[in-house]
């Protein structure tokens, strides 16, 4: 019989919209604590459910499986690792901020190309642009210029 608060892997999979194979993978990779078994079925207790919450959060912010494993191992080691975990999160935040900046730069380039082809299509030719259409773009879109 299932203890109160414990859940079968199939229930957890449905609740988190994950495949049971994903949950087994997490356990095999050392992300989850070793799960208890009931008649061969993996059982999630409160600790395993909290670990899964952490894993899903870390996955959402783009951490690799290896980094998530390291983070979860540090968490299992207790409060002595709080500063290490905080540093890992700070590093991941910086990584995301760097990615956001790269995406912003890519978006500016994409908008430029989109504008270029919109204007060329209106005119029916690319010949409307001088050699330096970038200057023309920024003249038309001063807010895009850095």
N, C-alpha and C. Protein backbone atom coordinates (compact mmCIF):
# COMPACT_ATOMS: atom_id res chain seq x y z
N UNK A 1 0.84 -1.19 0.00
CA UNK A 1 0.00 0.00 0.00
C UNK A 1 0.88 1.25 0.00
N UNK A 2 0.43 2.26 -0.69
CA UNK A 2 1.16 3.51 -0.83
C UNK A 2 1.00 4.38 0.41
N UNK A 3 2.11 4.86 0.94
CA UNK A 3 2.06 5.75 2.10
C UNK A 3 1.48 7.10 1.69
N UNK A 4 0.84 7.80 2.62
CA UNK A 4 0.27 9.12 2.30
C UNK A 4 1.35 10.06 1.76
N UNK A 5 1.01 10.77 0.69
CA UNK A 5 1.95 11.72 0.09
C UNK A 5 2.86 11.11 -0.95
N UNK A 6 2.97 9.78 -0.96
CA UNK A 6 3.80 9.11 -1.96
C UNK A 6 3.01 8.90 -3.24
N UNK A 7 3.72 8.86 -4.36
CA UNK A 7 3.05 8.72 -5.66
C UNK A 7 3.81 7.74 -6.52
N UNK A 8 3.06 7.00 -7.32
CA UNK A 8 3.66 6.09 -8.28
C UNK A 8 4.26 6.90 -9.43
N UNK A 9 5.23 6.30 -10.10
CA UNK A 9 5.90 6.98 -11.21
C UNK A 9 4.90 7.39 -12.29
N UNK A 10 3.90 6.57 -12.55
CA UNK A 10 2.91 6.89 -13.59
C UNK A 10 2.12 8.15 -13.23
N UNK A 11 1.80 8.30 -11.95
CA UNK A 11 1.08 9.49 -11.49
C UNK A 11 1.95 10.73 -11.62
N UNK A 12 3.19 10.62 -11.20
CA UNK A 12 4.13 11.75 -11.28
C UNK A 12 4.34 12.14 -12.75
N UNK A 13 4.49 11.14 -13.60
CA UNK A 13 4.69 11.41 -15.03
C UNK A 13 3.52 12.22 -15.59
N UNK A 14 2.31 11.83 -15.25
CA UNK A 14 1.13 12.56 -15.73
C UNK A 14 1.09 13.98 -15.16
N UNK A 15 1.34 14.11 -13.87
CA UNK A 15 1.26 15.42 -13.22
C UNK A 15 2.29 16.40 -13.77
N UNK A 16 3.46 15.91 -14.15
CA UNK A 16 4.53 16.78 -14.64
C UNK A 16 4.64 16.79 -16.16
N UNK A 17 3.71 16.09 -16.82
CA UNK A 17 3.73 15.99 -18.29
C UNK A 17 5.09 15.50 -18.78
N UNK A 18 5.59 14.49 -18.13
CA UNK A 18 6.85 13.86 -18.49
C UNK A 18 6.61 12.38 -18.76
N UNK A 19 7.42 11.82 -19.61
CA UNK A 19 7.34 10.37 -19.83
C UNK A 19 7.95 9.66 -18.63
N UNK A 20 7.42 8.51 -18.30
CA UNK A 20 7.99 7.72 -17.21
C UNK A 20 9.46 7.40 -17.51
N UNK A 21 9.78 7.23 -18.79
CA UNK A 21 11.17 6.95 -19.17
C UNK A 21 12.08 8.14 -18.83
N UNK A 22 11.55 9.35 -18.89
CA UNK A 22 12.33 10.54 -18.51
C UNK A 22 12.63 10.50 -17.02
N UNK A 23 11.65 10.12 -16.23
CA UNK A 23 11.86 10.02 -14.78
C UNK A 23 12.86 8.93 -14.45
N UNK A 24 12.78 7.81 -15.16
CA UNK A 24 13.77 6.75 -14.94
C UNK A 24 15.16 7.23 -15.35
N UNK A 25 15.24 7.99 -16.44
CA UNK A 25 16.52 8.57 -16.88
C UNK A 25 17.08 9.48 -15.80
N UNK A 26 16.24 10.34 -15.23
CA UNK A 26 16.70 11.23 -14.16
C UNK A 26 17.28 10.43 -13.00
N UNK A 27 16.61 9.34 -12.65
CA UNK A 27 17.13 8.51 -11.55
C UNK A 27 18.45 7.86 -11.97
N UNK A 28 18.50 7.31 -13.17
CA UNK A 28 19.72 6.66 -13.65
C UNK A 28 20.90 7.62 -13.73
N UNK A 29 20.63 8.88 -14.04
CA UNK A 29 21.68 9.90 -14.16
C UNK A 29 22.08 10.50 -12.82
N UNK A 30 21.42 10.08 -11.76
CA UNK A 30 21.76 10.58 -10.43
C UNK A 30 21.15 11.94 -10.11
N UNK A 31 20.16 12.35 -10.88
CA UNK A 31 19.50 13.62 -10.60
C UNK A 31 18.52 13.47 -9.44
N UNK A 32 17.82 12.37 -9.45
CA UNK A 32 16.86 12.07 -8.38
C UNK A 32 17.54 11.17 -7.35
N UNK A 33 17.06 11.25 -6.11
CA UNK A 33 17.55 10.28 -5.14
C UNK A 33 17.08 8.88 -5.57
N UNK A 34 17.71 7.86 -5.09
CA UNK A 34 17.27 6.50 -5.41
C UNK A 34 15.83 6.35 -4.95
N UNK A 35 14.99 5.96 -5.88
CA UNK A 35 13.56 5.85 -5.58
C UNK A 35 13.25 4.52 -4.92
N UNK A 36 12.33 4.58 -3.97
CA UNK A 36 11.85 3.35 -3.33
C UNK A 36 11.01 2.59 -4.34
N UNK A 37 10.86 1.31 -4.11
CA UNK A 37 10.06 0.47 -4.99
C UNK A 37 8.93 -0.17 -4.18
N UNK A 38 7.80 -0.30 -4.84
CA UNK A 38 6.68 -1.03 -4.27
C UNK A 38 6.22 -2.01 -5.35
N UNK A 39 6.45 -3.29 -5.11
CA UNK A 39 6.15 -4.32 -6.11
C UNK A 39 6.80 -4.00 -7.46
N UNK A 40 8.02 -3.49 -7.42
CA UNK A 40 8.76 -3.19 -8.64
C UNK A 40 8.48 -1.83 -9.25
N UNK A 41 7.50 -1.12 -8.71
CA UNK A 41 7.14 0.20 -9.25
C UNK A 41 7.85 1.29 -8.47
N UNK A 42 8.47 2.23 -9.18
CA UNK A 42 9.15 3.34 -8.51
C UNK A 42 8.12 4.22 -7.80
N UNK A 43 8.49 4.61 -6.58
CA UNK A 43 7.61 5.44 -5.75
C UNK A 43 8.33 6.74 -5.42
N UNK A 44 7.64 7.83 -5.62
CA UNK A 44 8.16 9.16 -5.29
C UNK A 44 7.64 9.58 -3.93
N UNK A 45 8.56 9.82 -3.00
CA UNK A 45 8.16 10.38 -1.70
C UNK A 45 8.34 11.89 -1.77
N UNK A 46 8.13 12.58 -0.65
CA UNK A 46 8.22 14.04 -0.63
C UNK A 46 9.59 14.54 -1.08
N UNK A 47 10.66 13.86 -0.66
CA UNK A 47 12.01 14.27 -1.05
C UNK A 47 12.22 14.14 -2.56
N UNK A 48 11.75 13.04 -3.12
CA UNK A 48 11.91 12.83 -4.56
C UNK A 48 11.08 13.84 -5.35
N UNK A 49 9.89 14.16 -4.85
CA UNK A 49 9.05 15.16 -5.53
C UNK A 49 9.69 16.54 -5.48
N UNK A 50 10.29 16.89 -4.34
CA UNK A 50 10.99 18.17 -4.24
C UNK A 50 12.19 18.20 -5.17
N UNK A 51 12.90 17.10 -5.24
CA UNK A 51 14.05 17.01 -6.15
C UNK A 51 13.59 17.20 -7.60
N UNK A 52 12.45 16.59 -7.95
CA UNK A 52 11.93 16.74 -9.30
C UNK A 52 11.56 18.19 -9.59
N UNK A 53 10.98 18.88 -8.61
CA UNK A 53 10.67 20.31 -8.77
C UNK A 53 11.96 21.08 -9.07
N UNK A 54 13.01 20.79 -8.32
CA UNK A 54 14.30 21.46 -8.53
C UNK A 54 14.85 21.15 -9.92
N UNK A 55 14.79 19.90 -10.32
CA UNK A 55 15.30 19.48 -11.62
C UNK A 55 14.57 20.21 -12.74
N UNK A 56 13.25 20.25 -12.65
CA UNK A 56 12.46 20.91 -13.69
C UNK A 56 12.77 22.40 -13.75
N UNK A 57 12.99 23.03 -12.62
CA UNK A 57 13.37 24.45 -12.58
C UNK A 57 14.72 24.65 -13.24
N UNK A 58 15.69 23.83 -12.88
CA UNK A 58 17.03 23.96 -13.43
C UNK A 58 17.05 23.67 -14.93
N UNK A 59 16.23 22.72 -15.34
CA UNK A 59 16.10 22.41 -16.76
C UNK A 59 15.51 23.61 -17.51
N UNK A 60 14.52 24.23 -16.91
CA UNK A 60 13.85 25.37 -17.52
C UNK A 60 14.80 26.54 -17.75
N UNK A 61 15.76 26.72 -16.86
CA UNK A 61 16.72 27.83 -17.01
C UNK A 61 17.93 27.43 -17.85
N UNK A 62 17.88 26.23 -18.44
CA UNK A 62 18.89 25.84 -19.41
C UNK A 62 20.11 25.12 -18.88
N UNK A 63 20.07 24.67 -17.64
CA UNK A 63 21.23 23.93 -17.12
C UNK A 63 21.35 22.58 -17.82
N UNK A 64 22.57 22.16 -18.03
CA UNK A 64 22.84 20.85 -18.63
C UNK A 64 22.55 19.76 -17.60
N UNK A 65 22.39 18.55 -18.09
CA UNK A 65 22.18 17.40 -17.20
C UNK A 65 23.34 17.28 -16.23
N UNK A 66 24.57 17.45 -16.71
CA UNK A 66 25.74 17.35 -15.84
C UNK A 66 25.71 18.40 -14.74
N UNK A 67 25.34 19.64 -15.10
CA UNK A 67 25.27 20.70 -14.09
C UNK A 67 24.13 20.45 -13.11
N UNK A 68 23.01 19.95 -13.61
CA UNK A 68 21.90 19.63 -12.71
C UNK A 68 22.33 18.54 -11.74
N UNK A 69 23.03 17.52 -12.24
CA UNK A 69 23.52 16.45 -11.37
C UNK A 69 24.43 17.02 -10.29
N UNK A 70 25.36 17.90 -10.68
CA UNK A 70 26.26 18.52 -9.71
C UNK A 70 25.46 19.31 -8.67
N UNK A 71 24.49 20.07 -9.14
CA UNK A 71 23.67 20.88 -8.23
C UNK A 71 22.92 19.98 -7.25
N UNK A 72 22.31 18.92 -7.76
CA UNK A 72 21.53 18.02 -6.90
C UNK A 72 22.44 17.30 -5.91
N UNK A 73 23.63 16.93 -6.33
CA UNK A 73 24.58 16.31 -5.39
C UNK A 73 24.97 17.29 -4.29
N UNK A 74 25.19 18.54 -4.67
CA UNK A 74 25.50 19.56 -3.65
C UNK A 74 24.32 19.73 -2.70
N UNK A 75 23.12 19.74 -3.24
CA UNK A 75 21.93 19.91 -2.39
C UNK A 75 21.82 18.75 -1.40
N UNK A 76 22.07 17.54 -1.87
CA UNK A 76 22.00 16.38 -0.98
C UNK A 76 23.08 16.45 0.10
N UNK A 77 24.18 17.16 -0.18
CA UNK A 77 25.27 17.30 0.79
C UNK A 77 24.91 18.26 1.92
N UNK A 78 23.85 19.04 1.74
CA UNK A 78 23.37 19.88 2.84
C UNK A 78 23.77 21.34 2.76
N UNK A 79 23.50 22.02 3.87
CA UNK A 79 23.67 23.47 3.94
C UNK A 79 25.11 23.94 3.76
N UNK A 80 26.07 23.08 3.97
CA UNK A 80 27.47 23.47 3.78
C UNK A 80 27.76 23.84 2.32
N UNK A 81 26.86 23.47 1.41
CA UNK A 81 27.07 23.73 -0.02
C UNK A 81 26.21 24.87 -0.55
N UNK A 82 25.55 25.60 0.34
CA UNK A 82 24.66 26.68 -0.10
C UNK A 82 25.37 27.69 -1.00
N UNK A 83 26.56 28.12 -0.63
CA UNK A 83 27.26 29.13 -1.43
C UNK A 83 27.67 28.56 -2.79
N UNK A 84 28.01 27.28 -2.85
CA UNK A 84 28.35 26.66 -4.13
C UNK A 84 27.13 26.60 -5.05
N UNK A 85 25.99 26.27 -4.47
CA UNK A 85 24.76 26.23 -5.26
C UNK A 85 24.37 27.62 -5.74
N UNK A 86 24.54 28.60 -4.85
CA UNK A 86 24.24 29.99 -5.23
C UNK A 86 25.15 30.42 -6.38
N UNK A 87 26.42 30.03 -6.33
CA UNK A 87 27.36 30.38 -7.40
C UNK A 87 26.97 29.72 -8.71
N UNK A 88 26.53 28.48 -8.65
CA UNK A 88 26.08 27.80 -9.86
C UNK A 88 24.91 28.53 -10.50
N UNK A 89 23.97 28.98 -9.65
CA UNK A 89 22.81 29.71 -10.16
C UNK A 89 23.24 31.06 -10.73
N UNK A 90 24.17 31.73 -10.08
CA UNK A 90 24.68 33.01 -10.60
C UNK A 90 25.35 32.81 -11.96
N UNK A 91 26.12 31.75 -12.08
CA UNK A 91 26.78 31.44 -13.35
C UNK A 91 25.74 31.19 -14.45
N UNK A 92 24.69 30.46 -14.10
CA UNK A 92 23.64 30.17 -15.08
C UNK A 92 22.90 31.45 -15.46
N UNK A 93 22.65 32.32 -14.50
CA UNK A 93 22.00 33.60 -14.80
C UNK A 93 22.85 34.40 -15.79
N UNK A 94 24.16 34.46 -15.54
CA UNK A 94 25.05 35.19 -16.44
C UNK A 94 25.02 34.58 -17.84
N UNK A 95 25.01 33.26 -17.89
CA UNK A 95 24.94 32.57 -19.18
C UNK A 95 23.65 32.95 -19.92
N UNK A 96 22.53 32.98 -19.21
CA UNK A 96 21.26 33.36 -19.83
C UNK A 96 21.29 34.81 -20.28
N UNK A 97 21.85 35.70 -19.47
CA UNK A 97 21.94 37.10 -19.86
C UNK A 97 22.80 37.26 -21.11
N UNK A 98 23.87 36.50 -21.21
CA UNK A 98 24.71 36.53 -22.42
C UNK A 98 23.92 36.05 -23.64
N UNK A 99 23.15 34.98 -23.45
CA UNK A 99 22.34 34.47 -24.55
C UNK A 99 21.28 35.48 -24.97
N UNK A 100 20.68 36.15 -24.00
CA UNK A 100 19.67 37.17 -24.30
C UNK A 100 20.29 38.29 -25.13
N UNK A 101 21.48 38.72 -24.76
CA UNK A 101 22.16 39.78 -25.51
C UNK A 101 22.46 39.32 -26.94
N UNK A 102 22.90 38.09 -27.09
CA UNK A 102 23.15 37.56 -28.44
C UNK A 102 21.86 37.50 -29.25
N UNK A 103 20.77 37.09 -28.61
CA UNK A 103 19.49 37.04 -29.30
C UNK A 103 19.01 38.43 -29.70
N UNK A 104 19.24 39.42 -28.84
CA UNK A 104 18.86 40.80 -29.18
C UNK A 104 19.63 41.26 -30.41
N UNK A 105 20.91 40.95 -30.47
CA UNK A 105 21.72 41.33 -31.63
C UNK A 105 21.24 40.60 -32.89
N UNK A 106 20.88 39.34 -32.74
CA UNK A 106 20.35 38.59 -33.88
C UNK A 106 19.03 39.18 -34.34
N UNK A 107 18.20 39.60 -33.40
CA UNK A 107 16.91 40.19 -33.75
C UNK A 107 17.09 41.49 -34.53
N UNK A 108 18.05 42.31 -34.12
CA UNK A 108 18.32 43.55 -34.85
C UNK A 108 18.73 43.22 -36.29
N UNK A 109 19.58 42.23 -36.47
CA UNK A 109 20.01 41.84 -37.82
C UNK A 109 18.83 41.31 -38.63
N UNK A 110 17.98 40.51 -37.98
CA UNK A 110 16.82 39.98 -38.67
C UNK A 110 15.86 41.09 -39.07
N UNK A 111 15.62 42.04 -38.19
CA UNK A 111 14.75 43.18 -38.52
C UNK A 111 15.32 43.96 -39.70
N UNK A 112 16.63 44.11 -39.71
CA UNK A 112 17.28 44.81 -40.82
C UNK A 112 17.01 44.09 -42.13
N UNK A 113 17.21 42.78 -42.14
CA UNK A 113 16.98 42.00 -43.36
C UNK A 113 15.51 42.04 -43.75
N UNK A 114 14.63 41.95 -42.78
CA UNK A 114 13.19 42.00 -43.05
C UNK A 114 12.83 43.34 -43.69
N UNK A 115 13.35 44.42 -43.13
CA UNK A 115 13.11 45.76 -43.67
C UNK A 115 13.65 45.85 -45.10
N UNK A 116 14.87 45.35 -45.29
CA UNK A 116 15.51 45.39 -46.61
C UNK A 116 14.60 44.76 -47.66
N UNK A 117 14.11 43.55 -47.39
CA UNK A 117 13.30 42.86 -48.37
C UNK A 117 11.90 43.45 -48.49
N UNK A 118 11.40 44.02 -47.44
CA UNK A 118 10.11 44.71 -47.51
C UNK A 118 10.21 45.91 -48.45
N UNK A 119 11.27 46.69 -48.26
CA UNK A 119 11.47 47.87 -49.11
C UNK A 119 11.77 47.46 -50.56
N UNK A 120 12.58 46.45 -50.74
CA UNK A 120 12.90 45.97 -52.09
C UNK A 120 11.65 45.43 -52.78
N UNK A 121 10.82 44.72 -52.04
CA UNK A 121 9.59 44.18 -52.62
C UNK A 121 8.64 45.30 -53.03
N UNK A 122 8.55 46.34 -52.19
CA UNK A 122 7.70 47.49 -52.53
C UNK A 122 8.18 48.15 -53.82
N UNK A 123 9.50 48.27 -53.96
CA UNK A 123 10.07 48.92 -55.14
C UNK A 123 10.17 47.97 -56.33
N UNK A 124 10.08 46.69 -56.06
CA UNK A 124 10.18 45.71 -57.14
C UNK A 124 11.61 45.38 -57.54
N UNK A 125 12.57 45.85 -56.73
CA UNK A 125 13.98 45.60 -57.06
C UNK A 125 14.86 45.88 -55.86
N UNK A 126 15.99 45.17 -55.81
CA UNK A 126 16.99 45.46 -54.78
C UNK A 126 17.88 46.63 -55.19
N UNK A 127 17.74 47.07 -56.42
CA UNK A 127 18.59 48.15 -56.93
C UNK A 127 18.30 49.49 -56.26
N UNK A 128 17.28 49.57 -55.44
CA UNK A 128 16.96 50.85 -54.78
C UNK A 128 17.97 51.21 -53.71
N UNK A 129 18.77 50.26 -53.27
CA UNK A 129 19.70 50.50 -52.17
C UNK A 129 21.08 50.86 -52.68
N UNK A 130 21.71 51.73 -51.93
CA UNK A 130 23.12 52.03 -52.19
C UNK A 130 23.94 50.88 -51.61
N UNK A 131 25.23 50.98 -51.73
CA UNK A 131 26.11 49.94 -51.18
C UNK A 131 25.97 49.83 -49.68
N UNK A 132 25.60 50.92 -49.02
CA UNK A 132 25.52 50.93 -47.56
C UNK A 132 24.06 51.03 -47.11
N UNK A 133 23.32 49.94 -47.31
CA UNK A 133 21.91 49.97 -46.92
C UNK A 133 21.75 49.94 -45.41
N UNK A 134 22.79 49.57 -44.69
CA UNK A 134 22.72 49.59 -43.22
C UNK A 134 22.49 51.00 -42.72
N UNK A 135 23.18 51.97 -43.30
CA UNK A 135 22.97 53.37 -42.92
C UNK A 135 21.54 53.78 -43.20
N UNK A 136 21.01 53.36 -44.34
CA UNK A 136 19.62 53.69 -44.69
C UNK A 136 18.66 53.07 -43.67
N UNK A 137 18.96 51.85 -43.27
CA UNK A 137 18.09 51.18 -42.29
C UNK A 137 18.08 51.96 -40.98
N UNK A 138 19.26 52.32 -40.48
CA UNK A 138 19.32 53.03 -39.20
C UNK A 138 18.73 54.43 -39.31
N UNK A 139 18.78 55.03 -40.49
CA UNK A 139 18.13 56.31 -40.68
C UNK A 139 16.61 56.14 -40.53
N UNK A 140 16.09 55.03 -41.04
CA UNK A 140 14.66 54.75 -40.94
C UNK A 140 14.27 54.19 -39.57
N UNK A 141 15.23 53.65 -38.83
CA UNK A 141 14.97 53.01 -37.53
C UNK A 141 16.03 53.43 -36.51
N UNK A 142 16.04 54.69 -36.11
CA UNK A 142 17.10 55.16 -35.20
C UNK A 142 17.11 54.46 -33.85
N UNK A 143 15.97 53.95 -33.42
CA UNK A 143 15.91 53.27 -32.12
C UNK A 143 16.66 51.94 -32.11
N UNK A 144 16.97 51.41 -33.29
CA UNK A 144 17.68 50.14 -33.39
C UNK A 144 19.19 50.31 -33.27
N UNK A 145 19.67 51.53 -33.48
CA UNK A 145 21.11 51.76 -33.50
C UNK A 145 21.68 51.78 -32.10
N UNK A 146 22.85 51.17 -31.96
CA UNK A 146 23.51 51.16 -30.64
C UNK A 146 24.42 52.34 -30.51
